[in-house]
Every structure is written in C-alpha cells, then in structure tokens.
Amino acid sequence: VLVVSYYTADKMPEPLSGGGKLYGFLV
C-alpha cells in the first residue's frame, strides 16, 4: 500500500523537540 503522510505544525518545529498534527493517507 502507498502511504502518503503530511507532518504539520503551526510553526517551524525545533530539532528533537517538535511535534504537531499528522495527516495520513493510504493509496
């Protein structure tokens, strides 16, 4: 299956401490 993911955040994440919302799609 093809996995298409978008890692998002409201601001540029800091290295090693960032996080945010993940949008995932299966194709």
mmCIF file of all heavy atoms, coordinates in Angstrom:
data_MODEL
# 
_entry.id   MODEL 
# 
loop_
_atom_site.group_PDB 
_atom_site.id 
_atom_site.type_symbol 
_atom_site.label_atom_id 
_atom_site.label_alt_id 
_atom_site.label_comp_id 
_atom_site.label_asym_id 
_atom_site.label_entity_id 
_atom_site.label_seq_id 
_atom_site.pdbx_PDB_ins_code 
_atom_site.Cartn_x 
_atom_site.Cartn_y 
_atom_site.Cartn_z 
_atom_site.occupancy 
_atom_site.B_iso_or_equiv 
_atom_site.pdbx_formal_charge 
_atom_site.auth_seq_id 
_atom_site.auth_comp_id 
_atom_site.auth_asym_id 
_atom_site.auth_atom_id 
_atom_site.pdbx_PDB_model_num 
ATOM 1   N N   . VAL A 1 1  ? 0.867  -1.174 0.000  1.00 0.00 ? 1  VAL A N   1 
ATOM 2   C CA  . VAL A 1 1  ? 0.000  0.000  0.000  1.00 0.00 ? 1  VAL A CA  1 
ATOM 3   C C   . VAL A 1 1  ? 0.907  1.228  0.000  1.00 0.00 ? 1  VAL A C   1 
ATOM 4   O O   . VAL A 1 1  ? 1.996  1.203  0.580  1.00 0.00 ? 1  VAL A O   1 
ATOM 5   C CB  . VAL A 1 1  ? -0.952 -0.005 1.225  1.00 0.00 ? 1  VAL A CB  1 
ATOM 6   C CG1 . VAL A 1 1  ? -0.188 0.045  2.534  1.00 0.00 ? 1  VAL A CG1 1 
ATOM 7   C CG2 . VAL A 1 1  ? -1.970 1.110  1.147  1.00 0.00 ? 1  VAL A CG2 1 
ATOM 8   N N   . LEU A 1 2  ? 0.484  2.275  -0.695 1.00 0.00 ? 2  LEU A N   1 
ATOM 9   C CA  . LEU A 1 2  ? 1.239  3.529  -0.682 1.00 0.00 ? 2  LEU A CA  1 
ATOM 10  C C   . LEU A 1 2  ? 0.771  4.355  0.504  1.00 0.00 ? 2  LEU A C   1 
ATOM 11  O O   . LEU A 1 2  ? -0.431 4.528  0.718  1.00 0.00 ? 2  LEU A O   1 
ATOM 12  C CB  . LEU A 1 2  ? 1.022  4.312  -1.971 1.00 0.00 ? 2  LEU A CB  1 
ATOM 13  C CG  . LEU A 1 2  ? 1.498  3.659  -3.259 1.00 0.00 ? 2  LEU A CG  1 
ATOM 14  C CD1 . LEU A 1 2  ? 1.169  4.546  -4.453 1.00 0.00 ? 2  LEU A CD1 1 
ATOM 15  C CD2 . LEU A 1 2  ? 2.986  3.379  -3.194 1.00 0.00 ? 2  LEU A CD2 1 
ATOM 16  N N   . VAL A 1 3  ? 1.726  4.857  1.266  1.00 0.00 ? 3  VAL A N   1 
ATOM 17  C CA  . VAL A 1 3  ? 1.431  5.686  2.429  1.00 0.00 ? 3  VAL A CA  1 
ATOM 18  C C   . VAL A 1 3  ? 1.893  7.104  2.110  1.00 0.00 ? 3  VAL A C   1 
ATOM 19  O O   . VAL A 1 3  ? 3.063  7.328  1.795  1.00 0.00 ? 3  VAL A O   1 
ATOM 20  C CB  . VAL A 1 3  ? 2.151  5.157  3.685  1.00 0.00 ? 3  VAL A CB  1 
ATOM 21  C CG1 . VAL A 1 3  ? 1.837  6.040  4.889  1.00 0.00 ? 3  VAL A CG1 1 
ATOM 22  C CG2 . VAL A 1 3  ? 1.770  3.707  3.950  1.00 0.00 ? 3  VAL A CG2 1 
ATOM 23  N N   . VAL A 1 4  ? 0.966  8.041  2.188  1.00 0.00 ? 4  VAL A N   1 
ATOM 24  C CA  . VAL A 1 4  ? 1.275  9.449  1.966  1.00 0.00 ? 4  VAL A CA  1 
ATOM 25  C C   . VAL A 1 4  ? 1.004  10.168 3.286  1.00 0.00 ? 4  VAL A C   1 
ATOM 26  O O   . VAL A 1 4  ? -0.126 10.172 3.772  1.00 0.00 ? 4  VAL A O   1 
ATOM 27  C CB  . VAL A 1 4  ? 0.404  10.056 0.843  1.00 0.00 ? 4  VAL A CB  1 
ATOM 28  C CG1 . VAL A 1 4  ? 0.768  11.519 0.604  1.00 0.00 ? 4  VAL A CG1 1 
ATOM 29  C CG2 . VAL A 1 4  ? 0.521  9.240  -0.435 1.00 0.00 ? 4  VAL A CG2 1 
ATOM 30  N N   . SER A 1 5  ? 2.054  10.734 3.862  1.00 0.00 ? 5  SER A N   1 
ATOM 31  C CA  . SER A 1 5  ? 1.936  11.397 5.163  1.00 0.00 ? 5  SER A CA  1 
ATOM 32  C C   . SER A 1 5  ? 2.333  12.859 5.045  1.00 0.00 ? 5  SER A C   1 
ATOM 33  O O   . SER A 1 5  ? 3.258  13.200 4.307  1.00 0.00 ? 5  SER A O   1 
ATOM 34  C CB  . SER A 1 5  ? 2.855  10.731 6.190  1.00 0.00 ? 5  SER A CB  1 
ATOM 35  O OG  . SER A 1 5  ? 2.559  9.376  6.334  1.00 0.00 ? 5  SER A OG  1 
ATOM 36  N N   . TYR A 1 6  ? 1.634  13.694 5.805  1.00 0.00 ? 6  TYR A N   1 
ATOM 37  C CA  . TYR A 1 6  ? 1.978  15.112 5.906  1.00 0.00 ? 6  TYR A CA  1 
ATOM 38  C C   . TYR A 1 6  ? 2.158  15.436 7.386  1.00 0.00 ? 6  TYR A C   1 
ATOM 39  O O   . TYR A 1 6  ? 1.231  15.302 8.175  1.00 0.00 ? 6  TYR A O   1 
ATOM 40  C CB  . TYR A 1 6  ? 0.882  15.991 5.296  1.00 0.00 ? 6  TYR A CB  1 
ATOM 41  C CG  . TYR A 1 6  ? 0.820  15.867 3.805  1.00 0.00 ? 6  TYR A CG  1 
ATOM 42  C CD1 . TYR A 1 6  ? -0.022 14.948 3.196  1.00 0.00 ? 6  TYR A CD1 1 
ATOM 43  C CD2 . TYR A 1 6  ? 1.623  16.655 2.992  1.00 0.00 ? 6  TYR A CD2 1 
ATOM 44  C CE1 . TYR A 1 6  ? -0.066 14.814 1.822  1.00 0.00 ? 6  TYR A CE1 1 
ATOM 45  C CE2 . TYR A 1 6  ? 1.587  16.529 1.606  1.00 0.00 ? 6  TYR A CE2 1 
ATOM 46  C CZ  . TYR A 1 6  ? 0.742  15.607 1.042  1.00 0.00 ? 6  TYR A CZ  1 
ATOM 47  O OH  . TYR A 1 6  ? 0.699  15.469 -0.330 1.00 0.00 ? 6  TYR A OH  1 
ATOM 48  N N   . TYR A 1 7  ? 3.381  15.832 7.731  1.00 0.00 ? 7  TYR A N   1 
ATOM 49  C CA  . TYR A 1 7  ? 3.710  16.229 9.095  1.00 0.00 ? 7  TYR A CA  1 
ATOM 50  C C   . TYR A 1 7  ? 3.567  17.742 9.157  1.00 0.00 ? 7  TYR A C   1 
ATOM 51  O O   . TYR A 1 7  ? 4.245  18.461 8.423  1.00 0.00 ? 7  TYR A O   1 
ATOM 52  C CB  . TYR A 1 7  ? 5.145  15.820 9.433  1.00 0.00 ? 7  TYR A CB  1 
ATOM 53  C CG  . TYR A 1 7  ? 5.343  14.325 9.374  1.00 0.00 ? 7  TYR A CG  1 
ATOM 54  C CD1 . TYR A 1 7  ? 5.653  13.687 8.181  1.00 0.00 ? 7  TYR A CD1 1 
ATOM 55  C CD2 . TYR A 1 7  ? 5.202  13.551 10.523 1.00 0.00 ? 7  TYR A CD2 1 
ATOM 56  C CE1 . TYR A 1 7  ? 5.818  12.308 8.125  1.00 0.00 ? 7  TYR A CE1 1 
ATOM 57  C CE2 . TYR A 1 7  ? 5.365  12.174 10.481 1.00 0.00 ? 7  TYR A CE2 1 
ATOM 58  C CZ  . TYR A 1 7  ? 5.678  11.567 9.272  1.00 0.00 ? 7  TYR A CZ  1 
ATOM 59  O OH  . TYR A 1 7  ? 5.838  10.204 9.224  1.00 0.00 ? 7  TYR A OH  1 
ATOM 60  N N   . THR A 1 8  ? 2.672  18.234 10.023 1.00 0.00 ? 8  THR A N   1 
ATOM 61  C CA  . THR A 1 8  ? 2.381  19.663 10.054 1.00 0.00 ? 8  THR A CA  1 
ATOM 62  C C   . THR A 1 8  ? 2.582  20.230 11.454 1.00 0.00 ? 8  THR A C   1 
ATOM 63  O O   . THR A 1 8  ? 2.587  19.504 12.451 1.00 0.00 ? 8  THR A O   1 
ATOM 64  C CB  . THR A 1 8  ? 0.927  19.935 9.619  1.00 0.00 ? 8  THR A CB  1 
ATOM 65  O OG1 . THR A 1 8  ? 0.033  19.408 10.597 1.00 0.00 ? 8  THR A OG1 1 
ATOM 66  C CG2 . THR A 1 8  ? 0.626  19.325 8.264  1.00 0.00 ? 8  THR A CG2 1 
ATOM 67  N N   . ALA A 1 9  ? 2.743  21.553 11.501 1.00 0.00 ? 9  ALA A N   1 
ATOM 68  C CA  . ALA A 1 9  ? 2.831  22.273 12.773 1.00 0.00 ? 9  ALA A CA  1 
ATOM 69  C C   . ALA A 1 9  ? 2.466  23.731 12.504 1.00 0.00 ? 9  ALA A C   1 
ATOM 70  O O   . ALA A 1 9  ? 2.535  24.209 11.366 1.00 0.00 ? 9  ALA A O   1 
ATOM 71  C CB  . ALA A 1 9  ? 4.234  22.166 13.361 1.00 0.00 ? 9  ALA A CB  1 
ATOM 72  N N   . ASP A 1 10 ? 2.097  24.422 13.560 1.00 0.00 ? 10 ASP A N   1 
ATOM 73  C CA  . ASP A 1 10 ? 1.717  25.828 13.442 1.00 0.00 ? 10 ASP A CA  1 
ATOM 74  C C   . ASP A 1 10 ? 2.928  26.750 13.300 1.00 0.00 ? 10 ASP A C   1 
ATOM 75  O O   . ASP A 1 10 ? 2.788  27.912 12.945 1.00 0.00 ? 10 ASP A O   1 
ATOM 76  C CB  . ASP A 1 10 ? 0.868  26.255 14.636 1.00 0.00 ? 10 ASP A CB  1 
ATOM 77  C CG  . ASP A 1 10 ? -0.479 25.551 14.645 1.00 0.00 ? 10 ASP A CG  1 
ATOM 78  O OD1 . ASP A 1 10 ? -0.977 25.221 13.553 1.00 0.00 ? 10 ASP A OD1 1 
ATOM 79  O OD2 . ASP A 1 10 ? -1.022 25.330 15.731 1.00 0.00 ? 10 ASP A OD2 1 
ATOM 80  N N   . LYS A 1 11 ? 4.118  26.229 13.632 1.00 0.00 ? 11 LYS A N   1 
ATOM 81  C CA  . LYS A 1 11 ? 5.359  26.974 13.434 1.00 0.00 ? 11 LYS A CA  1 
ATOM 82  C C   . LYS A 1 11 ? 6.458  25.965 13.125 1.00 0.00 ? 11 LYS A C   1 
ATOM 83  O O   . LYS A 1 11 ? 6.279  24.759 13.325 1.00 0.00 ? 11 LYS A O   1 
ATOM 84  C CB  . LYS A 1 11 ? 5.723  27.801 14.668 1.00 0.00 ? 11 LYS A CB  1 
ATOM 85  C CG  . LYS A 1 11 ? 5.975  26.974 15.905 1.00 0.00 ? 11 LYS A CG  1 
ATOM 86  C CD  . LYS A 1 11 ? 6.342  27.848 17.074 1.00 0.00 ? 11 LYS A CD  1 
ATOM 87  C CE  . LYS A 1 11 ? 6.680  26.947 18.264 1.00 0.00 ? 11 LYS A CE  1 
ATOM 88  N NZ  . LYS A 1 11 ? 7.238  27.684 19.352 1.00 0.00 ? 11 LYS A NZ  1 
ATOM 89  N N   . MET A 1 12 ? 7.591  26.437 12.639 1.00 0.00 ? 12 MET A N   1 
ATOM 90  C CA  . MET A 1 12 ? 8.701  25.552 12.320 1.00 0.00 ? 12 MET A CA  1 
ATOM 91  C C   . MET A 1 12 ? 9.115  24.808 13.594 1.00 0.00 ? 12 MET A C   1 
ATOM 92  O O   . MET A 1 12 ? 9.417  25.425 14.605 1.00 0.00 ? 12 MET A O   1 
ATOM 93  C CB  . MET A 1 12 ? 9.877  26.364 11.774 1.00 0.00 ? 12 MET A CB  1 
ATOM 94  C CG  . MET A 1 12 ? 10.984 25.491 11.292 1.00 0.00 ? 12 MET A CG  1 
ATOM 95  S SD  . MET A 1 12 ? 10.483 24.484 9.909  1.00 0.00 ? 12 MET A SD  1 
ATOM 96  C CE  . MET A 1 12 ? 11.309 25.292 8.601  1.00 0.00 ? 12 MET A CE  1 
ATOM 97  N N   . PRO A 1 13 ? 9.087  23.468 13.572 1.00 0.00 ? 13 PRO A N   1 
ATOM 98  C CA  . PRO A 1 13 ? 9.413  22.717 14.785 1.00 0.00 ? 13 PRO A CA  1 
ATOM 99  C C   . PRO A 1 13 ? 10.891 22.827 15.164 1.00 0.00 ? 13 PRO A C   1 
ATOM 100 O O   . PRO A 1 13 ? 11.757 22.927 14.299 1.00 0.00 ? 13 PRO A O   1 
ATOM 101 C CB  . PRO A 1 13 ? 9.057  21.273 14.441 1.00 0.00 ? 13 PRO A CB  1 
ATOM 102 C CG  . PRO A 1 13 ? 8.714  21.247 13.011 1.00 0.00 ? 13 PRO A CG  1 
ATOM 103 C CD  . PRO A 1 13 ? 8.688  22.628 12.479 1.00 0.00 ? 13 PRO A CD  1 
ATOM 104 N N   . GLU A 1 14 ? 11.147 22.805 16.466 1.00 0.00 ? 14 GLU A N   1 
ATOM 105 C CA  . GLU A 1 14 ? 12.517 22.802 16.978 1.00 0.00 ? 14 GLU A CA  1 
ATOM 106 C C   . GLU A 1 14 ? 13.095 21.401 16.799 1.00 0.00 ? 14 GLU A C   1 
ATOM 107 O O   . GLU A 1 14 ? 12.393 20.405 16.985 1.00 0.00 ? 14 GLU A O   1 
ATOM 108 C CB  . GLU A 1 14 ? 12.530 23.171 18.470 1.00 0.00 ? 14 GLU A CB  1 
ATOM 109 C CG  . GLU A 1 14 ? 12.064 24.584 18.752 1.00 0.00 ? 14 GLU A CG  1 
ATOM 110 C CD  . GLU A 1 14 ? 13.018 25.626 18.204 1.00 0.00 ? 14 GLU A CD  1 
ATOM 111 O OE1 . GLU A 1 14 ? 14.242 25.391 18.211 1.00 0.00 ? 14 GLU A OE1 1 
ATOM 112 O OE2 . GLU A 1 14 ? 12.525 26.671 17.756 1.00 0.00 ? 14 GLU A OE2 1 
ATOM 113 N N   . PRO A 1 15 ? 14.389 21.306 16.451 1.00 0.00 ? 15 PRO A N   1 
ATOM 114 C CA  . PRO A 1 15 ? 15.004 19.976 16.315 1.00 0.00 ? 15 PRO A CA  1 
ATOM 115 C C   . PRO A 1 15 ? 14.902 19.185 17.620 1.00 0.00 ? 15 PRO A C   1 
ATOM 116 O O   . PRO A 1 15 ? 15.125 19.729 18.698 1.00 0.00 ? 15 PRO A O   1 
ATOM 117 C CB  . PRO A 1 15 ? 16.464 20.288 15.984 1.00 0.00 ? 15 PRO A CB  1 
ATOM 118 C CG  . PRO A 1 15 ? 16.457 21.692 15.480 1.00 0.00 ? 15 PRO A CG  1 
ATOM 119 C CD  . PRO A 1 15 ? 15.311 22.385 16.157 1.00 0.00 ? 15 PRO A CD  1 
ATOM 120 N N   . LEU A 1 16 ? 14.533 17.947 17.513 1.00 0.00 ? 16 LEU A N   1 
ATOM 121 C CA  . LEU A 1 16 ? 14.434 16.999 18.626 1.00 0.00 ? 16 LEU A CA  1 
ATOM 122 C C   . LEU A 1 16 ? 13.372 17.329 19.666 1.00 0.00 ? 16 LEU A C   1 
ATOM 123 O O   . LEU A 1 16 ? 13.265 16.656 20.676 1.00 0.00 ? 16 LEU A O   1 
ATOM 124 C CB  . LEU A 1 16 ? 15.794 16.845 19.324 1.00 0.00 ? 16 LEU A CB  1 
ATOM 125 C CG  . LEU A 1 16 ? 16.947 16.417 18.410 1.00 0.00 ? 16 LEU A CG  1 
ATOM 126 C CD1 . LEU A 1 16 ? 18.234 16.374 19.192 1.00 0.00 ? 16 LEU A CD1 1 
ATOM 127 C CD2 . LEU A 1 16 ? 16.661 15.076 17.779 1.00 0.00 ? 16 LEU A CD2 1 
ATOM 128 N N   . SER A 1 17 ? 12.588 18.374 19.458 1.00 0.00 ? 17 SER A N   1 
ATOM 129 C CA  . SER A 1 17 ? 11.534 18.666 20.427 1.00 0.00 ? 17 SER A CA  1 
ATOM 130 C C   . SER A 1 17 ? 10.244 19.129 19.754 1.00 0.00 ? 17 SER A C   1 
ATOM 131 O O   . SER A 1 17 ? 9.337  19.583 20.427 1.00 0.00 ? 17 SER A O   1 
ATOM 132 C CB  . SER A 1 17 ? 12.006 19.740 21.413 1.00 0.00 ? 17 SER A CB  1 
ATOM 133 O OG  . SER A 1 17 ? 12.210 20.969 20.744 1.00 0.00 ? 17 SER A OG  1 
ATOM 134 N N   . GLY A 1 18 ? 10.171 19.011 18.453 1.00 0.00 ? 18 GLY A N   1 
ATOM 135 C CA  . GLY A 1 18 ? 8.987  19.468 17.738 1.00 0.00 ? 18 GLY A CA  1 
ATOM 136 C C   . GLY A 1 18 ? 7.879  18.438 17.734 1.00 0.00 ? 18 GLY A C   1 
ATOM 137 O O   . GLY A 1 18 ? 8.040  17.297 18.153 1.00 0.00 ? 18 GLY A O   1 
ATOM 138 N N   . GLY A 1 19 ? 6.758  18.866 17.263 1.00 0.00 ? 19 GLY A N   1 
ATOM 139 C CA  . GLY A 1 19 ? 5.606  17.986 17.142 1.00 0.00 ? 19 GLY A CA  1 
ATOM 140 C C   . GLY A 1 19 ? 4.473  18.722 16.465 1.00 0.00 ? 19 GLY A C   1 
ATOM 141 O O   . GLY A 1 19 ? 4.544  19.918 16.222 1.00 0.00 ? 19 GLY A O   1 
ATOM 142 N N   . GLY A 1 20 ? 3.446  17.990 16.160 1.00 0.00 ? 20 GLY A N   1 
ATOM 143 C CA  . GLY A 1 20 ? 2.300  18.611 15.518 1.00 0.00 ? 20 GLY A CA  1 
ATOM 144 C C   . GLY A 1 20 ? 1.296  17.574 15.076 1.00 0.00 ? 20 GLY A C   1 
ATOM 145 O O   . GLY A 1 20 ? 1.231  16.468 15.612 1.00 0.00 ? 20 GLY A O   1 
ATOM 146 N N   . LYS A 1 21 ? 0.548  17.931 14.074 1.00 0.00 ? 21 LYS A N   1 
ATOM 147 C CA  . LYS A 1 21 ? -0.516 17.073 13.565 1.00 0.00 ? 21 LYS A CA  1 
ATOM 148 C C   . LYS A 1 21 ? -0.013 16.287 12.356 1.00 0.00 ? 21 LYS A C   1 
ATOM 149 O O   . LYS A 1 21 ? 0.708  16.822 11.519 1.00 0.00 ? 21 LYS A O   1 
ATOM 150 C CB  . LYS A 1 21 ? -1.704 17.939 13.170 1.00 0.00 ? 21 LYS A CB  1 
ATOM 151 C CG  . LYS A 1 21 ? -3.010 17.202 13.082 1.00 0.00 ? 21 LYS A CG  1 
ATOM 152 C CD  . LYS A 1 21 ? -4.159 18.192 13.001 1.00 0.00 ? 21 LYS A CD  1 
ATOM 153 C CE  . LYS A 1 21 ? -5.468 17.490 13.142 1.00 0.00 ? 21 LYS A CE  1 
ATOM 154 N NZ  . LYS A 1 21 ? -6.604 18.416 13.086 1.00 0.00 ? 21 LYS A NZ  1 
ATOM 155 N N   . LEU A 1 22 ? -0.397 15.031 12.292 1.00 0.00 ? 22 LEU A N   1 
ATOM 156 C CA  . LEU A 1 22 ? -0.028 14.143 11.190 1.00 0.00 ? 22 LEU A CA  1 
ATOM 157 C C   . LEU A 1 22 ? -1.290 13.810 10.399 1.00 0.00 ? 22 LEU A C   1 
ATOM 158 O O   . LEU A 1 22 ? -2.308 13.419 10.975 1.00 0.00 ? 22 LEU A O   1 
ATOM 159 C CB  . LEU A 1 22 ? 0.599  12.856 11.717 1.00 0.00 ? 22 LEU A CB  1 
ATOM 160 C CG  . LEU A 1 22 ? 0.808  11.730 10.720 1.00 0.00 ? 22 LEU A CG  1 
ATOM 161 C CD1 . LEU A 1 22 ? 1.869  12.133 9.702  1.00 0.00 ? 22 LEU A CD1 1 
ATOM 162 C CD2 . LEU A 1 22 ? 1.211  10.451 11.418 1.00 0.00 ? 22 LEU A CD2 1 
ATOM 163 N N   . TYR A 1 23 ? -1.209 13.977 9.097  1.00 0.00 ? 23 TYR A N   1 
ATOM 164 C CA  . TYR A 1 23 ? -2.296 13.594 8.194  1.00 0.00 ? 23 TYR A CA  1 
ATOM 165 C C   . TYR A 1 23 ? -1.780 12.421 7.377  1.00 0.00 ? 23 TYR A C   1 
ATOM 166 O O   . TYR A 1 23 ? -0.742 12.530 6.727  1.00 0.00 ? 23 TYR A O   1 
ATOM 167 C CB  . TYR A 1 23 ? -2.677 14.752 7.280  1.00 0.00 ? 23 TYR A CB  1 
ATOM 168 C CG  . TYR A 1 23 ? -3.220 15.951 8.017  1.00 0.00 ? 23 TYR A CG  1 
ATOM 169 C CD1 . TYR A 1 23 ? -2.368 16.904 8.560  1.00 0.00 ? 23 TYR A CD1 1 
ATOM 170 C CD2 . TYR A 1 23 ? -4.584 16.117 8.179  1.00 0.00 ? 23 TYR A CD2 1 
ATOM 171 C CE1 . TYR A 1 23 ? -2.868 17.998 9.248  1.00 0.00 ? 23 TYR A CE1 1 
ATOM 172 C CE2 . TYR A 1 23 ? -5.099 17.199 8.865  1.00 0.00 ? 23 TYR A CE2 1 
ATOM 173 C CZ  . TYR A 1 23 ? -4.228 18.146 9.396  1.00 0.00 ? 23 TYR A CZ  1 
ATOM 174 O OH  . TYR A 1 23 ? -4.731 19.222 10.079 1.00 0.00 ? 23 TYR A OH  1 
ATOM 175 N N   . GLY A 1 24 ? -2.499 11.307 7.417  1.00 0.00 ? 24 GLY A N   1 
ATOM 176 C CA  . GLY A 1 24 ? -2.063 10.116 6.709  1.00 0.00 ? 24 GLY A CA  1 
ATOM 177 C C   . GLY A 1 24 ? -3.102 9.630  5.725  1.00 0.00 ? 24 GLY A C   1 
ATOM 178 O O   . GLY A 1 24 ? -4.311 9.678  5.987  1.00 0.00 ? 24 GLY A O   1 
ATOM 179 N N   . PHE A 1 25 ? -2.620 9.158  4.572  1.00 0.00 ? 25 PHE A N   1 
ATOM 180 C CA  . PHE A 1 25 ? -3.483 8.674  3.512  1.00 0.00 ? 25 PHE A CA  1 
ATOM 181 C C   . PHE A 1 25 ? -2.946 7.343  3.002  1.00 0.00 ? 25 PHE A C   1 
ATOM 182 O O   . PHE A 1 25 ? -1.734 7.187  2.848  1.00 0.00 ? 25 PHE A O   1 
ATOM 183 C CB  . PHE A 1 25 ? -3.507 9.677  2.348  1.00 0.00 ? 25 PHE A CB  1 
ATOM 184 C CG  . PHE A 1 25 ? -3.941 11.061 2.742  1.00 0.00 ? 25 PHE A CG  1 
ATOM 185 C CD1 . PHE A 1 25 ? -3.012 11.987 3.204  1.00 0.00 ? 25 PHE A CD1 1 
ATOM 186 C CD2 . PHE A 1 25 ? -5.271 11.435 2.667  1.00 0.00 ? 25 PHE A CD2 1 
ATOM 187 C CE1 . PHE A 1 25 ? -3.404 13.267 3.570  1.00 0.00 ? 25 PHE A CE1 1 
ATOM 188 C CE2 . PHE A 1 25 ? -5.673 12.709 3.031  1.00 0.00 ? 25 PHE A CE2 1 
ATOM 189 C CZ  . PHE A 1 25 ? -4.740 13.627 3.495  1.00 0.00 ? 25 PHE A CZ  1 
ATOM 190 N N   . LEU A 1 26 ? -3.834 6.406  2.737  1.00 0.00 ? 26 LEU A N   1 
ATOM 191 C CA  . LEU A 1 26 ? -3.459 5.122  2.153  1.00 0.00 ? 26 LEU A CA  1 
ATOM 192 C C   . LEU A 1 26 ? -4.007 5.078  0.731  1.00 0.00 ? 26 LEU A C   1 
ATOM 193 O O   . LEU A 1 26 ? -5.197 5.322  0.503  1.00 0.00 ? 26 LEU A O   1 
ATOM 194 C CB  . LEU A 1 26 ? -4.028 3.962  2.973  1.00 0.00 ? 26 LEU A CB  1 
ATOM 195 C CG  . LEU A 1 26 ? -3.557 3.891  4.427  1.00 0.00 ? 26 LEU A CG  1 
ATOM 196 C CD1 . LEU A 1 26 ? -4.223 2.721  5.148  1.00 0.00 ? 26 LEU A CD1 1 
ATOM 197 C CD2 . LEU A 1 26 ? -2.041 3.769  4.504  1.00 0.00 ? 26 LEU A CD2 1 
ATOM 198 N N   . VAL A 1 27 ? -3.112 4.772  -0.208 1.00 0.00 ? 27 VAL A N   1 
ATOM 199 C CA  . VAL A 1 27 ? -3.455 4.792  -1.638 1.00 0.00 ? 27 VAL A CA  1 
ATOM 200 C C   . VAL A 1 27 ? -3.137 3.427  -2.234 1.00 0.00 ? 27 VAL A C   1 
ATOM 201 O O   . VAL A 1 27 ? -2.089 2.838  -1.941 1.00 0.00 ? 27 VAL A O   1 
ATOM 202 C CB  . VAL A 1 27 ? -2.647 5.905  -2.364 1.00 0.00 ? 27 VAL A CB  1 
ATOM 203 C CG1 . VAL A 1 27 ? -2.941 5.911  -3.856 1.00 0.00 ? 27 VAL A CG1 1 
ATOM 204 C CG2 . VAL A 1 27 ? -2.949 7.268  -1.752 1.00 0.00 ? 27 VAL A CG2 1 
# 
